[in-house]
Amino acid sequence: MKAFFIERYGKQNGRIGDLPEPLVGAHDVLIEVRASSVNPLDLKIRSGEFKMILPYQMPLILGNDVAGVVLSTGAAVKRFKPGDEVYARAPDNRIGTFAERIAVDETAIALKPANLAMTEAACMPLVALTAWQALVEVANVQKGQKVLIHAGSGGVGTVAIQLAKHLGAFVATTTSTANVAWVKALGADVVIDYKQQDFAIELRDYDVVLNSLGGDVLEKSLKVLKPGGQLISLSGPPTAQFAREQGLSWLLGLVMRLLSSGIRRKARKRGVGYSFLFMRADGVQLQKITALIEAGVIKPVVDRTFPFDQIADALHYVEQGRAKGKVAIAANLKSPSP
């Protein structure tokens, strides 16, 4: 089958070629890929940033999100049948959605929202599950709480704003000047233009901060939290708890404890919590997200759609950091959409 894969780590690596068909286990669903999408995680995996945490074998097919049609199922699969339209975030240890077909464990899969096209559906799993796990599972956001979501025009940010508003939160976000009105239309109550304003000066007494940025943004985010608040970071540094959850070695756990010691110490001094979130595939949660999508509570934001044969261009486009929402990959598109 045709697939986009890498044979070694590196920022510009990757090509389309022929690879063997996926092996379908007893609990797997074989999906004909109709669409996928690009996430910053794909770029980090390609460059080797996660090779200590996720030791993939080469050649490695990239891609984490998928929407498509079930071709066949393993002997133990009960919830899906051939012909079902489904979507999923492939589990960490078996990614590879930039391909014509992929086998995915049924526990990671949900039926595709009926009101979404394949390209729209493929843009949702990773970012929507990230937002859900951060705001619902970790933060347990309640009505009336104040939530700051950094990078509101990004893939996670666009969904997190909508979800936080659905949960009844007062939502602030950060973005560039060009996107201020746009993210406000998504539901943000307060929008901080980071080119002209400093969020750490403008905002106070927040219950939750969802951070996907690096550098000094992480530390400055502590300043806007009230005592008992939570700083949830998608960009690290990872913690020893994360190492335990991933089943990593004690040595890696020690390294991550050291890496996060500074921000954890500063968080304790302010009486707030710090946690690192590395989202996981979860079909049950994705079903709940499907219900919100079909009810019109959450809508996908698709910046641009590339054809399968231009995946390298799509990765480069996302790498520039200017995409609003997500970038989709359509299996049967012959030229990029406007």
Protein backbone atom coordinates (compact mmCIF):
# COMPACT_ATOMS: atom_id res chain seq x y z
CA MET A 1 0.00 0.00 0.00
CA LYS A 2 1.02 3.64 -0.41
CA ALA A 3 2.19 5.41 2.74
CA PHE A 4 4.19 8.44 3.87
CA PHE A 5 7.02 7.17 6.06
CA ILE A 6 10.44 7.96 7.47
CA GLU A 7 13.47 5.65 7.57
CA ARG A 8 15.43 7.75 10.06
CA TYR A 9 14.73 10.72 12.32
CA GLY A 10 15.22 14.22 10.95
CA LYS A 11 13.22 17.41 10.42
CA GLN A 12 12.93 17.16 6.63
CA ASN A 13 12.70 13.38 6.30
CA GLY A 14 9.79 11.46 4.83
CA ARG A 15 8.59 10.16 1.49
CA ILE A 16 5.68 8.35 -0.12
CA GLY A 17 6.33 4.75 -1.12
CA ASP A 18 5.03 1.19 -0.95
CA LEU A 19 4.94 -0.66 2.37
CA PRO A 20 3.36 -3.96 3.48
CA GLU A 21 -0.32 -4.08 4.40
CA PRO A 22 -1.05 -3.63 8.13
CA LEU A 23 -1.42 -6.74 10.28
CA VAL A 24 -4.91 -7.08 11.73
CA GLY A 25 -5.08 -8.58 15.23
CA ALA A 26 -8.09 -10.09 16.97
CA HIS A 27 -9.09 -6.76 18.54
CA ASP A 28 -8.22 -4.60 15.50
CA VAL A 29 -10.34 -2.80 12.95
CA LEU A 30 -8.89 -2.39 9.45
CA ILE A 31 -9.75 1.09 8.22
CA GLU A 32 -9.60 2.40 4.67
CA VAL A 33 -8.19 5.88 5.25
CA ARG A 34 -10.35 8.55 3.64
CA ALA A 35 -8.72 11.45 5.46
CA SER A 36 -6.14 12.26 8.12
CA SER A 37 -4.73 15.46 9.58
CA VAL A 38 -1.43 16.98 10.63
CA ASN A 39 -0.56 17.68 14.26
CA PRO A 40 2.56 19.31 15.73
CA LEU A 41 3.11 15.88 17.32
CA ASP A 42 3.81 14.47 13.85
CA LEU A 43 6.65 16.95 13.43
CA LYS A 44 8.07 16.10 16.86
CA ILE A 45 7.94 12.37 16.16
CA ARG A 46 9.62 12.85 12.78
CA SER A 47 12.46 14.87 14.29
CA GLY A 48 13.08 12.24 16.98
CA GLU A 49 11.95 14.38 19.89
CA PHE A 50 9.97 11.50 21.41
CA LYS A 51 12.27 8.60 20.56
CA MET A 52 13.11 7.96 24.23
CA ILE A 53 9.42 7.81 25.16
CA LEU A 54 8.10 6.18 21.99
CA PRO A 55 10.79 3.85 20.58
CA TYR A 56 9.43 3.27 17.08
CA GLN A 57 10.93 0.89 14.56
CA MET A 58 11.80 2.05 11.07
CA PRO A 59 10.36 2.46 8.53
CA LEU A 60 7.75 4.44 10.46
CA ILE A 61 4.51 5.61 8.90
CA LEU A 62 3.59 9.00 10.35
CA GLY A 63 0.12 10.27 11.19
CA ASN A 64 -2.04 10.14 14.33
CA ASP A 65 -5.57 11.07 13.20
CA VAL A 66 -7.81 9.09 10.87
CA ALA A 67 -11.30 9.10 9.41
CA GLY A 68 -12.42 6.35 7.10
CA VAL A 69 -14.46 3.24 6.42
CA VAL A 70 -14.15 -0.14 8.13
CA LEU A 71 -12.92 -2.79 5.67
CA SER A 72 -12.73 -5.74 8.05
CA THR A 73 -12.51 -6.58 11.75
CA GLY A 74 -10.57 -8.99 13.94
CA ALA A 75 -12.28 -12.04 15.39
CA ALA A 76 -12.82 -10.44 18.82
CA VAL A 77 -14.23 -7.10 17.60
CA LYS A 78 -17.87 -6.57 18.63
CA ARG A 79 -18.58 -2.86 18.20
CA PHE A 80 -17.80 -2.28 14.52
CA LYS A 81 -18.55 -3.92 11.20
CA PRO A 82 -17.45 -3.48 7.57
CA GLY A 83 -18.92 -0.35 6.04
CA ASP A 84 -19.02 1.67 9.27
CA GLU A 85 -17.72 5.23 8.96
CA VAL A 86 -15.34 5.77 11.86
CA TYR A 87 -12.67 8.08 13.20
CA ALA A 88 -9.88 7.74 15.74
CA ARG A 89 -6.62 8.90 17.18
CA ALA A 90 -4.37 5.90 16.63
CA PRO A 91 -2.73 4.61 19.85
CA ASP A 92 0.82 5.86 20.49
CA ASN A 93 2.50 2.55 19.80
CA ARG A 94 0.72 1.98 16.47
CA ILE A 95 0.47 5.27 14.64
CA GLY A 96 0.50 5.42 10.84
CA THR A 97 -2.56 7.19 9.45
CA PHE A 98 -0.65 8.70 6.51
CA ALA A 99 -1.38 5.56 4.54
CA GLU A 100 -4.07 3.95 2.44
CA ARG A 101 -5.04 1.60 5.27
CA ILE A 102 -4.38 1.24 9.00
CA ALA A 103 -5.29 -1.34 11.66
CA VAL A 104 -6.49 0.29 14.89
CA ASP A 105 -7.48 -1.32 18.19
CA GLU A 106 -11.25 -1.04 18.53
CA THR A 107 -10.92 0.64 21.95
CA ALA A 108 -9.54 3.76 20.21
CA ILE A 109 -12.33 4.07 17.63
CA ALA A 110 -15.72 5.80 17.53
CA LEU A 111 -18.34 6.18 14.82
CA LYS A 112 -17.73 9.31 12.76
CA PRO A 113 -20.01 12.26 13.56
CA ALA A 114 -22.83 12.13 11.02
CA ASN A 115 -22.69 15.86 10.38
CA LEU A 116 -19.00 15.99 9.44
CA ALA A 117 -17.22 15.30 6.18
CA MET A 118 -14.29 12.88 6.34
CA THR A 119 -11.70 15.68 6.25
CA GLU A 120 -13.48 17.53 9.07
CA ALA A 121 -13.77 14.38 11.18
CA ALA A 122 -10.08 13.56 10.69
CA CYS A 123 -9.17 16.92 12.20
CA MET A 124 -10.89 16.22 15.51
CA PRO A 125 -9.65 13.14 17.44
CA LEU A 126 -6.23 14.17 18.78
CA VAL A 127 -7.08 17.81 19.53
CA ALA A 128 -10.55 17.08 20.91
CA LEU A 129 -9.29 14.26 23.14
CA THR A 130 -6.49 16.53 24.35
CA ALA A 131 -8.98 19.25 25.27
CA TRP A 132 -11.30 16.72 26.92
CA GLN A 133 -8.58 15.06 28.98
CA ALA A 134 -7.19 18.42 30.09
CA LEU A 135 -10.44 20.21 30.93
CA VAL A 136 -12.77 17.38 31.95
CA GLU A 137 -10.50 14.61 33.22
CA VAL A 138 -7.60 16.50 34.82
CA ALA A 139 -9.01 19.95 35.65
CA ASN A 140 -12.66 18.92 36.21
CA VAL A 141 -13.73 22.38 35.04
CA GLN A 142 -16.94 23.58 36.68
CA LYS A 143 -19.46 26.22 35.73
CA GLY A 144 -18.28 29.70 36.65
CA GLN A 145 -14.58 28.85 36.78
CA LYS A 146 -12.01 30.89 34.87
CA VAL A 147 -9.88 29.13 32.27
CA LEU A 148 -6.96 30.50 30.26
CA ILE A 149 -6.22 28.64 27.03
CA HIS A 150 -2.98 29.61 25.34
CA ALA A 151 -2.70 29.64 21.53
CA GLY A 152 -6.43 29.90 20.95
CA SER A 153 -6.16 29.79 17.17
CA GLY A 154 -4.26 26.48 17.15
CA GLY A 155 -5.67 22.99 16.74
CA VAL A 156 -6.10 22.27 20.45
CA GLY A 157 -6.97 25.86 21.29
CA THR A 158 -9.91 26.12 18.89
CA VAL A 159 -11.54 23.02 20.37
CA ALA A 160 -10.60 23.78 23.99
CA ILE A 161 -12.28 27.21 23.81
CA GLN A 162 -15.52 25.64 22.60
CA LEU A 163 -15.40 22.84 25.17
CA ALA A 164 -14.60 25.16 28.07
CA LYS A 165 -17.55 27.39 27.16
CA HIS A 166 -19.80 24.32 27.01
CA LEU A 167 -18.63 23.42 30.53
CA GLY A 168 -19.74 26.87 31.70
CA ALA A 169 -16.32 28.45 32.16
CA PHE A 170 -15.26 32.04 31.66
CA VAL A 171 -12.61 31.68 28.96
CA ALA A 172 -9.55 33.78 28.17
CA THR A 173 -7.13 33.00 25.37
CA THR A 174 -3.98 34.32 23.75
CA THR A 175 -3.41 34.83 20.04
CA SER A 176 -1.86 37.21 17.52
CA THR A 177 -3.40 40.49 16.38
CA ALA A 178 -4.80 39.04 13.17
CA ASN A 179 -6.80 36.38 15.02
CA VAL A 180 -8.30 38.37 17.89
CA ALA A 181 -11.81 38.76 16.45
CA TRP A 182 -11.70 35.24 15.04
CA VAL A 183 -11.04 33.46 18.36
CA LYS A 184 -13.58 35.69 20.08
CA ALA A 185 -16.14 34.34 17.63
CA LEU A 186 -15.25 30.82 18.82
CA GLY A 187 -16.48 31.79 22.28
CA ALA A 188 -13.55 33.37 24.13
CA ASP A 189 -14.68 36.00 26.66
CA VAL A 190 -11.29 37.72 26.84
CA VAL A 191 -8.66 37.68 24.10
CA ILE A 192 -5.09 38.73 24.82
CA ASP A 193 -3.15 39.92 21.79
CA TYR A 194 0.31 38.67 22.73
CA LYS A 195 1.93 41.12 20.31
CA GLN A 196 0.53 44.07 22.24
CA GLN A 197 -0.39 42.75 25.69
CA ASP A 198 1.17 40.66 28.46
CA PHE A 199 -1.29 38.04 29.68
CA ALA A 200 0.53 37.80 33.03
CA ILE A 201 -0.31 41.46 33.68
CA GLU A 202 -3.83 41.48 32.26
CA LEU A 203 -5.21 38.30 33.88
CA ARG A 204 -5.67 37.30 37.53
CA ASP A 205 -7.34 34.65 39.71
CA TYR A 206 -7.78 31.93 37.11
CA ASP A 207 -8.64 28.37 38.08
CA VAL A 208 -7.01 26.60 35.13
CA VAL A 209 -4.34 27.37 32.54
CA LEU A 210 -3.92 25.09 29.54
CA ASN A 211 -0.46 25.67 28.10
CA SER A 212 0.81 24.44 24.74
CA LEU A 213 3.67 26.90 24.41
CA GLY A 214 7.25 26.84 25.63
CA GLY A 215 9.79 29.27 27.01
CA ASP A 216 8.75 31.79 29.61
CA VAL A 217 5.02 31.35 28.94
CA LEU A 218 4.90 28.30 31.21
CA GLU A 219 6.42 30.06 34.22
CA LYS A 220 4.48 33.28 33.65
CA SER A 221 1.27 31.25 33.58
CA LEU A 222 1.69 30.54 37.29
CA LYS A 223 1.13 34.23 37.99
CA VAL A 224 -2.44 34.25 36.69
CA LEU A 225 -3.61 31.30 38.81
CA LYS A 226 -5.42 31.61 42.11
CA PRO A 227 -4.32 29.42 45.06
CA GLY A 228 -5.46 25.88 44.35
CA GLY A 229 -5.43 26.48 40.60
CA GLN A 230 -3.99 24.11 38.03
CA LEU A 231 -1.38 24.60 35.32
CA ILE A 232 -1.71 21.84 32.70
CA SER A 233 1.04 21.78 30.10
CA LEU A 234 1.01 19.94 26.79
CA SER A 235 4.54 20.99 25.91
CA GLY A 236 6.35 19.86 29.03
CA PRO A 237 8.43 19.47 30.98
CA PRO A 238 7.21 15.90 31.66
CA THR A 239 6.98 14.60 35.21
CA ALA A 240 7.87 11.38 37.04
CA GLN A 241 4.15 10.62 37.24
CA PHE A 242 3.99 10.70 33.43
CA ALA A 243 6.94 8.30 33.29
CA ARG A 244 5.09 5.88 35.58
CA GLU A 245 1.90 6.11 33.53
CA GLN A 246 3.87 5.35 30.35
CA GLY A 247 5.70 2.44 31.96
CA LEU A 248 9.09 4.06 31.34
CA SER A 249 12.29 3.04 33.08
CA TRP A 250 13.19 4.32 36.53
CA LEU A 251 16.07 6.23 34.95
CA LEU A 252 13.77 8.11 32.58
CA GLY A 253 11.47 8.74 35.52
CA LEU A 254 14.36 10.28 37.43
CA VAL A 255 15.31 12.43 34.44
CA MET A 256 11.74 13.70 34.09
CA ARG A 257 11.54 14.41 37.82
CA LEU A 258 14.64 16.58 37.47
CA LEU A 259 13.41 18.27 34.29
CA SER A 260 10.15 19.31 35.95
CA SER A 261 11.55 20.08 39.40
CA GLY A 262 11.87 23.82 38.73
CA ILE A 263 8.31 24.43 37.57
CA ARG A 264 6.88 22.10 40.23
CA ARG A 265 8.77 23.92 42.96
CA LYS A 266 7.56 27.33 41.73
CA ALA A 267 4.01 25.99 41.49
CA ARG A 268 4.14 24.76 45.11
CA LYS A 269 5.34 28.15 46.29
CA ARG A 270 2.24 29.71 44.75
CA GLY A 271 -0.06 27.01 46.10
CA VAL A 272 -1.01 25.72 42.65
CA GLY A 273 -0.65 22.39 40.88
CA TYR A 274 1.42 21.51 37.82
CA SER A 275 0.78 18.53 35.54
CA PHE A 276 2.07 17.41 32.16
CA LEU A 277 -0.52 15.94 29.78
CA PHE A 278 0.37 13.55 26.98
CA MET A 279 -3.01 12.65 25.56
CA ARG A 280 -4.02 9.06 24.94
CA ALA A 281 -6.33 7.36 22.47
CA ASP A 282 -9.77 6.68 23.97
CA GLY A 283 -12.78 5.58 21.95
CA VAL A 284 -15.24 6.02 24.83
CA GLN A 285 -14.26 9.65 25.29
CA LEU A 286 -14.35 10.12 21.53
CA GLN A 287 -17.96 8.89 21.52
CA LYS A 288 -18.83 11.62 24.04
CA ILE A 289 -17.09 14.17 21.82
CA THR A 290 -19.08 12.85 18.84
CA ALA A 291 -22.30 13.66 20.71
CA LEU A 292 -21.13 17.24 21.28
CA ILE A 293 -20.15 17.60 17.62
CA GLU A 294 -23.49 16.29 16.39
CA ALA A 295 -25.27 18.65 18.80
CA GLY A 296 -23.37 21.61 17.32
CA VAL A 297 -21.53 22.35 20.57
CA ILE A 298 -18.08 21.75 19.03
CA LYS A 299 -17.25 22.48 15.42
CA PRO A 300 -14.04 21.60 13.59
CA VAL A 301 -11.82 24.38 12.33
CA VAL A 302 -10.04 23.35 9.12
CA ASP A 303 -7.46 25.80 7.83
CA ARG A 304 -6.59 23.99 4.62
CA THR A 305 -6.78 20.57 2.98
CA PHE A 306 -3.88 18.97 1.12
CA PRO A 307 -3.96 15.91 -1.15
CA PHE A 308 -2.24 12.72 -0.01
CA ASP A 309 0.63 13.21 -2.45
CA GLN A 310 1.46 16.56 -0.84
CA ILE A 311 1.82 15.42 2.76
CA ALA A 312 5.38 16.80 2.90
CA ASP A 313 4.00 20.23 1.96
CA ALA A 314 1.29 19.90 4.61
CA LEU A 315 3.89 19.12 7.28
CA HIS A 316 5.94 22.13 6.19
CA TYR A 317 2.84 24.35 6.30
CA VAL A 318 2.04 23.30 9.87
CA GLU A 319 5.68 23.76 10.85
CA GLN A 320 5.39 27.47 9.99
CA GLY A 321 2.96 27.86 12.90
CA ARG A 322 0.41 30.00 11.07
CA ALA A 323 -2.42 27.53 10.57
CA LYS A 324 -5.81 28.38 12.08
CA GLY A 325 -7.15 25.19 13.57
CA LYS A 326 -6.12 22.03 11.72
CA VAL A 327 -4.66 21.01 8.37
CA ALA A 328 -6.36 18.02 6.75
CA ILE A 329 -5.07 15.36 4.34
CA ALA A 330 -7.62 14.02 1.87
CA ALA A 331 -6.96 10.60 0.38
CA ASN A 332 -8.65 11.33 -2.93
CA LEU A 333 -8.01 15.05 -3.42
CA LYS A 334 -6.00 15.93 -6.53
CA SER A 335 -5.08 19.52 -5.70
CA PRO A 336 -5.02 21.64 -2.52
CA SER A 337 -8.17 23.49 -1.57
CA PRO A 338 -8.08 27.30 -1.26
